[in-house]
Amino acid sequence: MDKYQEYFSKIRSFYEKNKRMPSYSEILKITGLKSKNAVFKIVQKLDEAGLVIKDSTGKLIPGSGFGGVRLLGYVEAGFPSPAEEELIDTMTLDEYLIRNRDATFMLKIKGDSMCEAGIMPGDMVLVERGCQAREGDIVVAEVDKAWTIKFLKKKNGMLYLQPGNAKYKPIYPKDELNIAAVVRAVVRKY
């Protein structure tokens, strides 16, 4: 598997530099191989190892072994306790956060209407389209032709949007309310 590790390393370097997976033609170029058949065989081996995956259109996406981060253990958020470092597992953030890759995307937060829910200006939210929104979920919604992110609430059988900041009022739709996606995670960089 040494030569495959070398090829995988080149593919990962391409991904880190370009923020996307290479095409088969680009893999041919970065590995120095002579035929697309050889690239196909490499991709097949890397797929079997879980390092890359082919999506429904045949394009490559990172697999579960593609840059996972070591999960070492737990840290007490209450009273301090002796720390023990033990390798529990390896996981990628995609594996942890994404349920349906094809329906998932990220949005950058602008404004402070959700700060009491822990969503601050500049944060990124990971949202999933096509799933059933339930009362209490944080949703991305189109209300009367304007887009927003709020809690989905119901009062007297009518859906409305509740900000996560007491200085803002609830939004009751005048004409229509369309739920586009449900928030699955918040990402903040320090």
N, C-alpha and C. Protein backbone atom coordinates (compact mmCIF):
# COMPACT_ATOMS: atom_id res chain seq x y z
N MET A 1 0.83 -1.21 0.00
CA MET A 1 0.00 0.00 0.00
C MET A 1 0.86 1.26 0.00
N ASP A 2 2.20 1.12 0.03
CA ASP A 2 3.09 2.28 0.07
C ASP A 2 2.90 3.21 -1.12
N LYS A 3 2.81 2.65 -2.32
CA LYS A 3 2.63 3.51 -3.49
C LYS A 3 1.25 4.17 -3.46
N TYR A 4 0.26 3.48 -2.90
CA TYR A 4 -1.08 4.07 -2.80
C TYR A 4 -1.09 5.19 -1.76
N GLN A 5 -0.33 5.04 -0.70
CA GLN A 5 -0.21 6.11 0.30
C GLN A 5 0.42 7.35 -0.34
N GLU A 6 1.40 7.13 -1.20
CA GLU A 6 2.05 8.24 -1.91
C GLU A 6 1.04 8.95 -2.82
N TYR A 7 0.25 8.17 -3.56
CA TYR A 7 -0.77 8.75 -4.43
C TYR A 7 -1.82 9.48 -3.61
N PHE A 8 -2.23 8.86 -2.51
CA PHE A 8 -3.22 9.48 -1.63
C PHE A 8 -2.70 10.80 -1.08
N SER A 9 -1.43 10.83 -0.71
CA SER A 9 -0.81 12.05 -0.19
C SER A 9 -0.88 13.17 -1.23
N LYS A 10 -0.65 12.84 -2.49
CA LYS A 10 -0.71 13.84 -3.56
C LYS A 10 -2.14 14.33 -3.76
N ILE A 11 -3.10 13.41 -3.68
CA ILE A 11 -4.51 13.78 -3.82
C ILE A 11 -4.93 14.67 -2.66
N ARG A 12 -4.50 14.34 -1.42
CA ARG A 12 -4.84 15.16 -0.26
C ARG A 12 -4.20 16.54 -0.36
N SER A 13 -2.96 16.62 -0.84
CA SER A 13 -2.30 17.92 -1.02
C SER A 13 -3.07 18.78 -2.02
N PHE A 14 -3.52 18.16 -3.11
CA PHE A 14 -4.33 18.87 -4.10
C PHE A 14 -5.59 19.42 -3.44
N TYR A 15 -6.26 18.56 -2.65
CA TYR A 15 -7.49 18.94 -1.96
C TYR A 15 -7.27 20.12 -1.01
N GLU A 16 -6.20 20.06 -0.23
CA GLU A 16 -5.91 21.14 0.73
C GLU A 16 -5.60 22.44 0.02
N LYS A 17 -4.93 22.37 -1.12
CA LYS A 17 -4.56 23.57 -1.87
C LYS A 17 -5.75 24.17 -2.61
N ASN A 18 -6.57 23.31 -3.24
CA ASN A 18 -7.65 23.77 -4.11
C ASN A 18 -9.04 23.75 -3.49
N LYS A 19 -9.15 23.19 -2.27
CA LYS A 19 -10.43 23.10 -1.56
C LYS A 19 -11.47 22.30 -2.33
N ARG A 20 -11.01 21.35 -3.14
CA ARG A 20 -11.87 20.44 -3.87
C ARG A 20 -11.05 19.22 -4.24
N MET A 21 -11.76 18.13 -4.54
CA MET A 21 -11.08 16.91 -4.97
C MET A 21 -10.68 17.05 -6.43
N PRO A 22 -9.57 16.41 -6.82
CA PRO A 22 -9.14 16.47 -8.22
C PRO A 22 -10.00 15.57 -9.10
N SER A 23 -10.06 15.91 -10.39
CA SER A 23 -10.72 15.05 -11.37
C SER A 23 -9.77 13.91 -11.71
N TYR A 24 -10.24 12.94 -12.45
CA TYR A 24 -9.38 11.83 -12.86
C TYR A 24 -8.22 12.35 -13.70
N SER A 25 -8.48 13.32 -14.58
CA SER A 25 -7.41 13.90 -15.41
C SER A 25 -6.37 14.61 -14.54
N GLU A 26 -6.83 15.29 -13.50
CA GLU A 26 -5.90 15.98 -12.60
C GLU A 26 -5.09 14.97 -11.77
N ILE A 27 -5.72 13.85 -11.39
CA ILE A 27 -4.98 12.81 -10.67
C ILE A 27 -3.89 12.24 -11.57
N LEU A 28 -4.21 12.04 -12.85
CA LEU A 28 -3.24 11.57 -13.83
C LEU A 28 -2.03 12.50 -13.85
N LYS A 29 -2.30 13.79 -13.86
CA LYS A 29 -1.23 14.79 -13.93
C LYS A 29 -0.41 14.84 -12.64
N ILE A 30 -1.07 14.86 -11.46
CA ILE A 30 -0.31 15.04 -10.22
C ILE A 30 0.44 13.78 -9.78
N THR A 31 0.00 12.61 -10.27
CA THR A 31 0.70 11.37 -9.92
C THR A 31 1.77 11.00 -10.93
N GLY A 32 1.70 11.60 -12.13
CA GLY A 32 2.68 11.27 -13.16
C GLY A 32 2.41 9.95 -13.86
N LEU A 33 1.23 9.40 -13.66
CA LEU A 33 0.88 8.14 -14.31
C LEU A 33 0.62 8.38 -15.79
N LYS A 34 0.61 7.29 -16.56
CA LYS A 34 0.50 7.41 -18.01
C LYS A 34 -0.90 7.14 -18.56
N SER A 35 -1.76 6.47 -17.76
CA SER A 35 -3.09 6.15 -18.31
C SER A 35 -4.19 6.39 -17.28
N LYS A 36 -5.38 6.69 -17.81
CA LYS A 36 -6.54 6.87 -16.94
C LYS A 36 -6.95 5.56 -16.29
N ASN A 37 -6.64 4.45 -16.93
CA ASN A 37 -6.93 3.14 -16.36
C ASN A 37 -6.16 2.96 -15.05
N ALA A 38 -4.91 3.41 -15.02
CA ALA A 38 -4.10 3.33 -13.79
C ALA A 38 -4.73 4.21 -12.70
N VAL A 39 -5.22 5.39 -13.09
CA VAL A 39 -5.88 6.29 -12.13
C VAL A 39 -7.15 5.62 -11.60
N PHE A 40 -7.90 4.97 -12.48
CA PHE A 40 -9.12 4.27 -12.07
C PHE A 40 -8.79 3.21 -11.01
N LYS A 41 -7.71 2.47 -11.21
CA LYS A 41 -7.30 1.43 -10.26
C LYS A 41 -6.89 2.03 -8.91
N ILE A 42 -6.18 3.16 -8.96
CA ILE A 42 -5.79 3.84 -7.72
C ILE A 42 -7.03 4.28 -6.96
N VAL A 43 -7.96 4.92 -7.64
CA VAL A 43 -9.19 5.39 -7.01
C VAL A 43 -9.96 4.22 -6.41
N GLN A 44 -10.00 3.11 -7.13
CA GLN A 44 -10.69 1.92 -6.63
C GLN A 44 -10.05 1.44 -5.32
N LYS A 45 -8.72 1.39 -5.26
CA LYS A 45 -8.01 0.96 -4.03
C LYS A 45 -8.26 1.94 -2.89
N LEU A 46 -8.20 3.24 -3.19
CA LEU A 46 -8.42 4.25 -2.15
C LEU A 46 -9.86 4.23 -1.66
N ASP A 47 -10.80 3.92 -2.57
CA ASP A 47 -12.21 3.78 -2.21
C ASP A 47 -12.38 2.58 -1.27
N GLU A 48 -11.77 1.46 -1.59
CA GLU A 48 -11.84 0.26 -0.75
C GLU A 48 -11.28 0.52 0.64
N ALA A 49 -10.27 1.39 0.72
CA ALA A 49 -9.65 1.72 2.01
C ALA A 49 -10.43 2.80 2.77
N GLY A 50 -11.48 3.35 2.15
CA GLY A 50 -12.29 4.38 2.80
C GLY A 50 -11.67 5.77 2.76
N LEU A 51 -10.65 5.95 1.93
CA LEU A 51 -9.97 7.25 1.86
C LEU A 51 -10.68 8.22 0.93
N VAL A 52 -11.32 7.70 -0.11
CA VAL A 52 -12.13 8.52 -1.01
C VAL A 52 -13.44 7.78 -1.26
N ILE A 53 -14.44 8.51 -1.71
CA ILE A 53 -15.75 7.96 -2.03
C ILE A 53 -16.19 8.58 -3.35
N LYS A 54 -16.92 7.81 -4.15
CA LYS A 54 -17.54 8.37 -5.35
C LYS A 54 -18.96 8.76 -4.99
N ASP A 55 -19.35 10.00 -5.32
CA ASP A 55 -20.73 10.42 -5.04
C ASP A 55 -21.66 9.87 -6.11
N SER A 56 -22.92 10.25 -6.06
CA SER A 56 -23.92 9.70 -6.98
C SER A 56 -23.64 10.06 -8.44
N THR A 57 -22.82 11.09 -8.69
CA THR A 57 -22.48 11.46 -10.07
C THR A 57 -21.14 10.90 -10.50
N GLY A 58 -20.45 10.18 -9.60
CA GLY A 58 -19.16 9.60 -9.93
C GLY A 58 -17.98 10.47 -9.56
N LYS A 59 -18.25 11.66 -9.04
CA LYS A 59 -17.16 12.54 -8.62
C LYS A 59 -16.61 12.08 -7.28
N LEU A 60 -15.34 12.39 -7.05
CA LEU A 60 -14.70 11.98 -5.80
C LEU A 60 -15.00 12.97 -4.68
N ILE A 61 -15.22 12.42 -3.49
CA ILE A 61 -15.35 13.22 -2.28
C ILE A 61 -14.48 12.58 -1.22
N PRO A 62 -14.04 13.33 -0.22
CA PRO A 62 -13.20 12.75 0.82
C PRO A 62 -13.94 11.64 1.57
N GLY A 63 -13.26 10.55 1.84
CA GLY A 63 -13.83 9.44 2.61
C GLY A 63 -13.60 9.63 4.09
N SER A 64 -14.05 8.66 4.87
CA SER A 64 -13.96 8.77 6.34
C SER A 64 -12.51 8.79 6.83
N GLY A 65 -11.59 8.21 6.07
CA GLY A 65 -10.19 8.21 6.48
C GLY A 65 -9.39 9.37 5.91
N PHE A 66 -10.07 10.33 5.32
CA PHE A 66 -9.42 11.43 4.61
C PHE A 66 -9.16 12.61 5.55
N GLY A 67 -8.23 12.53 6.42
CA GLY A 67 -7.93 13.67 7.27
C GLY A 67 -8.74 13.70 8.53
N GLY A 68 -9.03 12.55 9.07
CA GLY A 68 -9.72 12.51 10.34
C GLY A 68 -8.86 13.06 11.46
N VAL A 69 -9.50 13.49 12.51
CA VAL A 69 -8.82 14.03 13.68
C VAL A 69 -8.96 13.00 14.80
N ARG A 70 -7.90 12.81 15.57
CA ARG A 70 -7.94 11.82 16.65
C ARG A 70 -8.87 12.29 17.77
N LEU A 71 -9.72 11.41 18.22
CA LEU A 71 -10.59 11.65 19.37
C LEU A 71 -9.89 11.00 20.55
N LEU A 72 -9.37 11.83 21.46
CA LEU A 72 -8.50 11.33 22.53
C LEU A 72 -9.21 11.00 23.83
N GLY A 73 -10.36 11.51 24.05
CA GLY A 73 -11.02 11.23 25.32
C GLY A 73 -11.96 12.35 25.68
N TYR A 74 -12.18 12.50 26.97
CA TYR A 74 -13.15 13.47 27.46
C TYR A 74 -12.44 14.47 28.35
N VAL A 75 -13.01 15.67 28.44
CA VAL A 75 -12.50 16.67 29.37
C VAL A 75 -13.70 17.17 30.18
N GLU A 76 -13.51 17.32 31.45
CA GLU A 76 -14.56 17.71 32.37
C GLU A 76 -14.90 19.18 32.17
N ALA A 77 -16.17 19.47 31.96
CA ALA A 77 -16.62 20.85 31.82
C ALA A 77 -17.12 21.39 33.15
N GLY A 78 -17.17 20.56 34.16
CA GLY A 78 -17.58 20.99 35.50
C GLY A 78 -16.35 21.21 36.35
N PHE A 79 -16.22 20.46 37.45
CA PHE A 79 -15.05 20.58 38.30
C PHE A 79 -13.87 19.86 37.67
N PRO A 80 -12.67 20.40 37.82
CA PRO A 80 -11.50 19.76 37.22
C PRO A 80 -11.30 18.34 37.74
N SER A 81 -10.83 17.47 36.85
CA SER A 81 -10.49 16.10 37.23
C SER A 81 -9.20 15.72 36.51
N PRO A 82 -8.53 14.68 36.98
CA PRO A 82 -7.28 14.29 36.31
C PRO A 82 -7.55 13.97 34.84
N ALA A 83 -6.71 14.50 33.97
CA ALA A 83 -6.88 14.26 32.53
C ALA A 83 -6.22 12.96 32.15
N GLU A 84 -6.92 12.20 31.34
CA GLU A 84 -6.36 10.97 30.82
C GLU A 84 -6.45 11.04 29.31
N GLU A 85 -5.31 10.84 28.67
CA GLU A 85 -5.29 10.87 27.21
C GLU A 85 -5.30 9.43 26.72
N GLU A 86 -6.34 9.09 26.00
CA GLU A 86 -6.49 7.74 25.47
C GLU A 86 -7.12 7.87 24.10
N LEU A 87 -6.49 7.27 23.10
CA LEU A 87 -7.04 7.32 21.74
C LEU A 87 -8.32 6.50 21.71
N ILE A 88 -9.45 7.18 21.52
CA ILE A 88 -10.74 6.52 21.48
C ILE A 88 -11.08 6.13 20.05
N ASP A 89 -10.83 7.03 19.11
CA ASP A 89 -11.23 6.80 17.73
C ASP A 89 -10.64 7.89 16.87
N THR A 90 -10.89 7.81 15.59
CA THR A 90 -10.55 8.87 14.65
C THR A 90 -11.84 9.20 13.91
N MET A 91 -12.08 10.48 13.70
CA MET A 91 -13.28 10.88 12.97
C MET A 91 -13.02 12.17 12.22
N THR A 92 -13.80 12.39 11.19
CA THR A 92 -13.75 13.66 10.48
C THR A 92 -14.92 14.51 10.96
N LEU A 93 -14.81 15.80 10.79
CA LEU A 93 -15.92 16.67 11.17
C LEU A 93 -17.13 16.39 10.29
N ASP A 94 -16.89 16.07 9.02
CA ASP A 94 -18.00 15.71 8.13
C ASP A 94 -18.76 14.51 8.69
N GLU A 95 -18.03 13.50 9.11
CA GLU A 95 -18.63 12.29 9.67
C GLU A 95 -19.49 12.62 10.90
N TYR A 96 -19.00 13.53 11.71
CA TYR A 96 -19.67 13.89 12.96
C TYR A 96 -20.89 14.78 12.72
N LEU A 97 -20.79 15.69 11.75
CA LEU A 97 -21.80 16.72 11.58
C LEU A 97 -22.80 16.50 10.45
N ILE A 98 -22.42 15.79 9.40
CA ILE A 98 -23.24 15.73 8.20
C ILE A 98 -23.99 14.41 8.10
N ARG A 99 -25.30 14.52 7.97
CA ARG A 99 -26.15 13.33 7.79
C ARG A 99 -26.35 13.03 6.32
N ASN A 100 -26.63 14.07 5.52
CA ASN A 100 -26.92 13.91 4.10
C ASN A 100 -26.08 14.92 3.33
N ARG A 101 -24.96 14.47 2.80
CA ARG A 101 -23.98 15.36 2.14
C ARG A 101 -24.60 16.16 1.00
N ASP A 102 -25.43 15.51 0.18
CA ASP A 102 -26.01 16.20 -0.99
C ASP A 102 -26.97 17.32 -0.60
N ALA A 103 -27.55 17.25 0.60
CA ALA A 103 -28.53 18.24 1.03
C ALA A 103 -27.95 19.24 2.03
N THR A 104 -26.64 19.17 2.28
CA THR A 104 -26.03 19.98 3.33
C THR A 104 -25.18 21.10 2.73
N PHE A 105 -25.28 22.29 3.33
CA PHE A 105 -24.44 23.41 2.94
C PHE A 105 -24.22 24.31 4.14
N MET A 106 -23.32 25.29 3.97
CA MET A 106 -23.00 26.21 5.07
C MET A 106 -23.41 27.63 4.70
N LEU A 107 -23.77 28.38 5.72
CA LEU A 107 -24.10 29.80 5.57
C LEU A 107 -23.35 30.59 6.63
N LYS A 108 -22.96 31.80 6.30
CA LYS A 108 -22.29 32.67 7.27
C LYS A 108 -23.33 33.59 7.91
N ILE A 109 -23.26 33.72 9.22
CA ILE A 109 -24.25 34.50 9.97
C ILE A 109 -23.91 35.98 9.94
N LYS A 110 -24.95 36.77 9.69
CA LYS A 110 -24.86 38.23 9.70
C LYS A 110 -25.96 38.70 10.64
N GLY A 111 -25.63 39.53 11.59
CA GLY A 111 -26.63 40.02 12.53
C GLY A 111 -26.60 39.28 13.85
N ASP A 112 -27.33 39.83 14.86
CA ASP A 112 -27.25 39.29 16.22
C ASP A 112 -28.58 38.74 16.74
N SER A 113 -29.52 38.45 15.85
CA SER A 113 -30.85 38.02 16.30
C SER A 113 -30.87 36.61 16.89
N MET A 114 -29.76 35.88 16.82
CA MET A 114 -29.73 34.52 17.38
C MET A 114 -28.63 34.36 18.42
N CYS A 115 -28.11 35.47 18.94
CA CYS A 115 -26.96 35.39 19.86
C CYS A 115 -27.29 34.68 21.17
N GLU A 116 -28.52 34.78 21.67
CA GLU A 116 -28.88 34.08 22.91
C GLU A 116 -29.03 32.58 22.69
N ALA A 117 -29.05 32.15 21.42
CA ALA A 117 -29.06 30.73 21.08
C ALA A 117 -27.63 30.25 20.80
N GLY A 118 -26.66 31.13 20.99
CA GLY A 118 -25.26 30.76 20.78
C GLY A 118 -24.79 30.89 19.35
N ILE A 119 -25.56 31.60 18.51
CA ILE A 119 -25.17 31.82 17.12
C ILE A 119 -24.82 33.30 16.97
N MET A 120 -23.53 33.56 16.79
CA MET A 120 -23.01 34.92 16.77
C MET A 120 -22.70 35.39 15.36
N PRO A 121 -22.65 36.73 15.15
CA PRO A 121 -22.25 37.25 13.85
C PRO A 121 -20.88 36.69 13.45
N GLY A 122 -20.75 36.25 12.21
CA GLY A 122 -19.50 35.69 11.72
C GLY A 122 -19.42 34.17 11.86
N ASP A 123 -20.29 33.58 12.68
CA ASP A 123 -20.33 32.11 12.78
C ASP A 123 -20.78 31.52 11.45
N MET A 124 -20.48 30.25 11.27
CA MET A 124 -20.98 29.50 10.12
C MET A 124 -21.99 28.49 10.66
N VAL A 125 -23.10 28.33 9.95
CA VAL A 125 -24.06 27.29 10.33
C VAL A 125 -24.09 26.24 9.24
N LEU A 126 -24.16 25.01 9.66
CA LEU A 126 -24.29 23.87 8.76
C LEU A 126 -25.77 23.55 8.71
N VAL A 127 -26.36 23.60 7.52
CA VAL A 127 -27.80 23.41 7.40
C VAL A 127 -28.10 22.29 6.43
N GLU A 128 -29.25 21.64 6.66
CA GLU A 128 -29.67 20.52 5.82
C GLU A 128 -31.03 20.83 5.20
N ARG A 129 -31.09 20.74 3.88
CA ARG A 129 -32.35 20.92 3.15
C ARG A 129 -33.11 19.61 3.10
N GLY A 130 -34.41 19.71 2.86
CA GLY A 130 -35.22 18.54 2.57
C GLY A 130 -35.61 17.70 3.77
N CYS A 131 -35.25 18.12 4.96
CA CYS A 131 -35.66 17.35 6.14
C CYS A 131 -36.85 18.05 6.80
N GLN A 132 -37.61 17.31 7.54
CA GLN A 132 -38.81 17.84 8.18
C GLN A 132 -38.43 18.72 9.36
N ALA A 133 -38.79 19.99 9.32
CA ALA A 133 -38.54 20.90 10.44
C ALA A 133 -39.61 20.68 11.50
N ARG A 134 -39.18 20.67 12.76
CA ARG A 134 -40.11 20.50 13.87
C ARG A 134 -40.12 21.78 14.71
N GLU A 135 -41.18 21.97 15.42
CA GLU A 135 -41.28 23.13 16.30
C GLU A 135 -40.10 23.11 17.26
N GLY A 136 -39.44 24.26 17.39
CA GLY A 136 -38.27 24.39 18.26
C GLY A 136 -36.96 24.30 17.50
N ASP A 137 -36.98 23.77 16.27
CA ASP A 137 -35.76 23.72 15.46
C ASP A 137 -35.34 25.13 15.07
N ILE A 138 -34.05 25.30 14.87
CA ILE A 138 -33.55 26.54 14.27
C ILE A 138 -33.55 26.29 12.77
N VAL A 139 -34.20 27.20 12.03
CA VAL A 139 -34.40 27.00 10.60
C VAL A 139 -33.91 28.20 9.79
N VAL A 140 -33.63 27.93 8.53
CA VAL A 140 -33.41 28.98 7.55
C VAL A 140 -34.73 29.05 6.79
N ALA A 141 -35.34 30.24 6.81
CA ALA A 141 -36.68 30.36 6.25
C ALA A 141 -36.81 31.60 5.38
N GLU A 142 -37.74 31.49 4.42
CA GLU A 142 -38.13 32.63 3.61
C GLU A 142 -39.51 33.04 4.12
N VAL A 143 -39.56 34.25 4.67
CA VAL A 143 -40.82 34.75 5.19
C VAL A 143 -41.15 36.04 4.45
N ASP A 144 -42.28 36.03 3.76
CA ASP A 144 -42.72 37.19 2.98
C ASP A 144 -41.61 37.74 2.09
N LYS A 145 -40.96 36.84 1.37
CA LYS A 145 -39.92 37.15 0.37
C LYS A 145 -38.59 37.63 0.97
N ALA A 146 -38.37 37.45 2.28
CA ALA A 146 -37.09 37.80 2.91
C ALA A 146 -36.55 36.57 3.64
N TRP A 147 -35.23 36.43 3.67
CA TRP A 147 -34.58 35.26 4.27
C TRP A 147 -34.07 35.58 5.66
N THR A 148 -34.16 34.57 6.56
CA THR A 148 -33.70 34.74 7.93
C THR A 148 -33.41 33.39 8.56
N ILE A 149 -32.76 33.43 9.71
CA ILE A 149 -32.54 32.23 10.51
C ILE A 149 -33.15 32.50 11.89
N LYS A 150 -34.05 31.61 12.32
CA LYS A 150 -34.77 31.80 13.59
C LYS A 150 -35.26 30.44 14.10
N PHE A 151 -35.79 30.44 15.32
CA PHE A 151 -36.48 29.27 15.86
C PHE A 151 -37.84 29.15 15.19
N LEU A 152 -38.24 27.94 14.84
CA LEU A 152 -39.57 27.71 14.30
C LEU A 152 -40.50 27.44 15.48
N LYS A 153 -41.56 28.22 15.59
CA LYS A 153 -42.51 28.10 16.70
C LYS A 153 -43.93 28.01 16.16
N LYS A 154 -44.84 27.60 17.03
CA LYS A 154 -46.24 27.48 16.65
C LYS A 154 -47.11 28.04 17.76
N LYS A 155 -48.11 28.85 17.38
CA LYS A 155 -49.03 29.43 18.34
C LYS A 155 -50.42 29.40 17.72
N ASN A 156 -51.37 28.80 18.43
CA ASN A 156 -52.74 28.67 17.92
C ASN A 156 -52.77 28.05 16.52
N GLY A 157 -51.94 27.06 16.30
CA GLY A 157 -51.90 26.35 15.02
C GLY A 157 -51.17 27.07 13.91
N MET A 158 -50.62 28.26 14.20
CA MET A 158 -49.94 29.05 13.18
C MET A 158 -48.43 29.06 13.43
N LEU A 159 -47.65 28.78 12.38
CA LEU A 159 -46.20 28.81 12.50
C LEU A 159 -45.69 30.25 12.45
N TYR A 160 -44.66 30.50 13.23
CA TYR A 160 -44.01 31.81 13.21
C TYR A 160 -42.53 31.61 13.53
N LEU A 161 -41.74 32.67 13.42
CA LEU A 161 -40.30 32.61 13.66
C LEU A 161 -39.95 33.42 14.90
N GLN A 162 -39.22 32.79 15.81
CA GLN A 162 -38.85 33.43 17.08
C GLN A 162 -37.34 33.71 17.09
N PRO A 163 -36.94 34.96 17.21
CA PRO A 163 -35.51 35.26 17.32
C PRO A 163 -34.91 34.70 18.61
N GLY A 164 -33.63 34.49 18.59
CA GLY A 164 -32.91 34.05 19.78
C GLY A 164 -32.23 35.25 20.43
N ASN A 165 -32.94 36.34 20.52
CA ASN A 165 -32.43 37.57 21.14
C ASN A 165 -33.66 38.37 21.58
N ALA A 166 -33.74 38.65 22.87
CA ALA A 166 -34.91 39.30 23.45
C ALA A 166 -35.19 40.70 22.89
N LYS A 167 -34.20 41.32 22.27
CA LYS A 167 -34.46 42.67 21.75
C LYS A 167 -35.17 42.66 20.40
N TYR A 168 -35.43 41.47 19.84
CA TYR A 168 -36.16 41.35 18.58
C TYR A 168 -37.52 40.70 18.81
N LYS A 169 -38.50 41.08 18.00
CA LYS A 169 -39.86 40.54 18.13
C LYS A 169 -40.04 39.32 17.22
N PRO A 170 -40.98 38.47 17.59
CA PRO A 170 -41.30 37.32 16.72
C PRO A 170 -41.77 37.80 15.35
N ILE A 171 -41.58 36.94 14.35
CA ILE A 171 -41.99 37.27 12.98
C ILE A 171 -43.15 36.36 12.60
N TYR A 172 -44.31 36.97 12.41
CA TYR A 172 -45.50 36.26 11.96
C TYR A 172 -45.66 36.54 10.47
N PRO A 173 -45.71 35.49 9.64
CA PRO A 173 -45.81 35.73 8.20
C PRO A 173 -47.12 36.39 7.82
N LYS A 174 -47.03 37.39 6.93
CA LYS A 174 -48.23 38.04 6.42
C LYS A 174 -48.80 37.23 5.25
N ASP A 175 -47.89 36.75 4.37
CA ASP A 175 -48.33 36.00 3.19
C ASP A 175 -47.87 34.55 3.24
N GLU A 176 -46.56 34.35 3.33
CA GLU A 176 -46.06 32.97 3.28
C GLU A 176 -44.80 32.77 4.11
N LEU A 177 -44.64 31.52 4.52
CA LEU A 177 -43.47 31.09 5.29
C LEU A 177 -43.00 29.78 4.69
N ASN A 178 -41.79 29.78 4.13
CA ASN A 178 -41.21 28.57 3.54
C ASN A 178 -39.94 28.21 4.30
N ILE A 179 -39.89 26.99 4.82
CA ILE A 179 -38.71 26.52 5.53
C ILE A 179 -37.78 25.91 4.50
N ALA A 180 -36.58 26.48 4.36
CA ALA A 180 -35.62 26.01 3.35
C ALA A 180 -34.70 24.94 3.92
N ALA A 181 -34.33 25.06 5.20
CA ALA A 181 -33.35 24.13 5.78
C ALA A 181 -33.42 24.18 7.29
N VAL A 182 -32.89 23.13 7.91
CA VAL A 182 -32.79 23.04 9.37
C VAL A 182 -31.32 23.14 9.75
N VAL A 183 -31.02 23.94 10.76
CA VAL A 183 -29.65 24.10 11.23
C VAL A 183 -29.24 22.84 11.98
N ARG A 184 -28.09 22.27 11.60
CA ARG A 184 -27.58 21.06 12.23
C ARG A 184 -26.38 21.33 13.14
N ALA A 185 -25.63 22.42 12.87
CA ALA A 185 -24.45 22.71 13.70
C ALA A 185 -24.04 24.17 13.51
N VAL A 186 -23.33 24.67 14.49
CA VAL A 186 -22.74 26.00 14.43
C VAL A 186 -21.23 25.83 14.50
N VAL A 187 -20.52 26.52 13.63
CA VAL A 187 -19.06 26.43 13.61
C VAL A 187 -18.51 27.82 13.89
N ARG A 188 -17.65 27.89 14.91
CA ARG A 188 -17.03 29.16 15.28
C ARG A 188 -15.53 28.97 15.36
N LYS A 189 -14.80 29.88 14.74
CA LYS A 189 -13.34 29.82 14.77
C LYS A 189 -12.85 30.87 15.75
N TYR A 190 -11.97 30.49 16.64
CA TYR A 190 -11.42 31.44 17.62
C TYR A 190 -10.10 31.98 17.17
